[in-house]
Amino acid sequence: MANILVLDDISDAGMLVKRILERKGHKVWNFTEEEDALKRAAGTKIDLAILDIKLKKMTGVEALEELKKVNPDMKAIMLTGYPTLETARESLRLGAQEYCVKPINKEELEAKVAEVLDSGE
């Protein structure tokens, strides 16, 4: 199973993702603060990051860029309640494999996580 980092400024949203994915057997770390997530990523191999587009101090796209510096092979799924073509394109350009719209749909999240983790391995 995978090491998954979740970064969402809304604690409940991150906890929901964590619960869903832990039931699938993954090791999941949930963060609301960008610095804490980056510290964890620096000391741990992260297979997948699930990042909200809107965070407290930086955007999810900026967080993805920082996380990729310490985990270049890491995959990513972006979350947003406000989908735009621009954020989708920027996320994909920086290496996100998928995009999920909030509110989180359990089946959609499970399917996208499985698909992203299976791709290229």
Protein backbone atom coordinates (compact mmCIF):
# COMPACT_ATOMS: atom_id res chain seq x y z
CA MET A 1 0.00 0.00 0.00
CA ALA A 2 1.00 3.61 -0.44
CA ASN A 3 2.29 6.47 1.73
CA ILE A 4 -0.20 9.29 1.16
CA LEU A 5 0.07 12.89 2.30
CA VAL A 6 -3.14 14.94 2.50
CA LEU A 7 -2.98 18.74 2.71
CA ASP A 8 -6.23 20.66 3.10
CA ASP A 9 -6.78 23.86 5.09
CA ILE A 10 -10.13 22.43 6.28
CA SER A 11 -9.31 19.78 8.89
CA ASP A 12 -12.61 17.87 8.43
CA ALA A 13 -12.05 17.55 4.67
CA GLY A 14 -8.57 16.11 5.21
CA MET A 15 -9.83 13.73 7.91
CA LEU A 16 -12.51 12.43 5.54
CA VAL A 17 -9.90 11.67 2.86
CA LYS A 18 -7.66 10.05 5.51
CA ARG A 19 -10.47 7.78 6.79
CA ILE A 20 -11.50 6.72 3.29
CA LEU A 21 -7.94 5.83 2.26
CA GLU A 22 -6.88 4.18 5.54
CA ARG A 23 -9.79 1.76 5.07
CA LYS A 24 -8.11 0.79 1.80
CA GLY A 25 -4.91 -0.02 3.73
CA HIS A 26 -2.86 3.09 2.92
CA LYS A 27 -0.65 4.96 5.40
CA VAL A 28 -2.07 8.50 5.45
CA TRP A 29 -0.79 11.71 7.03
CA ASN A 30 -3.27 14.59 7.17
CA PHE A 31 -2.10 18.21 7.46
CA THR A 32 -3.75 21.63 7.53
CA GLU A 33 -0.44 23.56 7.61
CA GLU A 34 1.85 23.64 4.58
CA GLU A 35 5.06 23.73 6.67
CA ASP A 36 4.11 20.57 8.56
CA ALA A 37 3.32 18.73 5.34
CA LEU A 38 6.62 19.80 3.77
CA LYS A 39 8.56 18.66 6.86
CA ARG A 40 6.90 15.22 6.72
CA ALA A 41 7.62 14.94 2.99
CA ALA A 42 11.28 15.83 3.52
CA GLY A 43 11.74 12.87 5.89
CA THR A 44 9.39 10.31 4.32
CA LYS A 45 8.96 8.79 0.88
CA ILE A 46 5.55 9.99 -0.25
CA ASP A 47 3.89 8.01 -3.04
CA LEU A 48 0.88 10.28 -3.46
CA ALA A 49 -0.07 13.79 -2.32
CA ILE A 50 -3.70 14.87 -2.23
CA LEU A 51 -3.70 18.66 -2.14
CA ASP A 52 -6.42 21.26 -1.88
CA ILE A 53 -5.97 24.06 -4.41
CA LYS A 54 -6.78 26.72 -1.77
CA LEU A 55 -4.52 26.53 1.29
CA LYS A 56 -3.62 28.98 4.06
CA LYS A 57 -0.24 30.38 2.98
CA MET A 58 0.30 29.06 -0.53
CA THR A 59 -1.75 27.51 -3.28
CA GLY A 60 -1.99 23.76 -3.75
CA VAL A 61 -0.08 24.22 -7.00
CA GLU A 62 2.79 25.91 -5.09
CA ALA A 63 2.69 23.16 -2.45
CA LEU A 64 2.86 20.54 -5.22
CA GLU A 65 5.93 22.26 -6.65
CA GLU A 66 7.65 22.25 -3.22
CA LEU A 67 6.70 18.63 -2.49
CA LYS A 68 8.05 17.51 -5.88
CA LYS A 69 11.46 18.98 -4.94
CA VAL A 70 11.86 16.43 -2.12
CA ASN A 71 9.78 13.60 -3.66
CA PRO A 72 10.27 13.93 -7.43
CA ASP A 73 8.51 10.62 -8.20
CA MET A 74 5.50 11.49 -6.07
CA LYS A 75 2.11 11.42 -7.78
CA ALA A 76 -0.57 14.00 -6.97
CA ILE A 77 -4.30 14.55 -6.99
CA MET A 78 -5.63 18.09 -6.60
CA LEU A 79 -8.85 18.88 -4.71
CA THR A 80 -10.98 21.94 -5.25
CA GLY A 81 -14.38 23.32 -4.54
CA TYR A 82 -13.80 25.88 -7.31
CA PRO A 83 -12.72 24.06 -10.48
CA THR A 84 -11.32 26.23 -13.25
CA LEU A 85 -9.58 25.28 -16.45
CA GLU A 86 -6.58 27.40 -15.44
CA THR A 87 -5.97 25.61 -12.12
CA ALA A 88 -6.53 22.23 -13.78
CA ARG A 89 -3.97 22.99 -16.48
CA GLU A 90 -1.41 24.39 -14.01
CA SER A 91 -1.81 21.37 -11.71
CA LEU A 92 -1.33 18.93 -14.59
CA ARG A 93 1.64 20.92 -15.91
CA LEU A 94 3.36 20.59 -12.53
CA GLY A 95 2.78 16.88 -12.39
CA ALA A 96 -0.62 16.25 -10.82
CA GLN A 97 -2.19 13.16 -12.35
CA GLU A 98 -5.80 13.82 -11.37
CA TYR A 99 -8.28 16.35 -10.14
CA CYS A 100 -11.22 15.84 -7.69
CA VAL A 101 -14.02 18.30 -7.10
CA LYS A 102 -15.34 18.84 -3.57
CA PRO A 103 -17.44 17.72 -1.86
CA ILE A 104 -15.46 14.49 -1.91
CA ASN A 105 -17.22 11.52 -3.46
CA LYS A 106 -15.88 8.36 -1.73
CA GLU A 107 -16.12 6.10 -4.79
CA GLU A 108 -14.58 8.71 -7.10
CA LEU A 109 -11.69 9.32 -4.67
CA GLU A 110 -11.00 5.59 -4.23
CA ALA A 111 -11.09 5.03 -8.00
CA LYS A 112 -8.80 7.97 -8.80
CA VAL A 113 -6.30 7.05 -6.06
CA ALA A 114 -6.17 3.44 -7.31
CA GLU A 115 -5.77 4.60 -10.91
CA VAL A 116 -3.02 7.12 -10.12
CA LEU A 117 -1.08 4.66 -7.92
CA ASP A 118 -1.32 1.94 -10.59
CA SER A 119 -0.14 4.20 -13.41
CA GLY A 120 3.48 3.84 -14.39
CA GLU A 121 4.46 1.39 -11.69
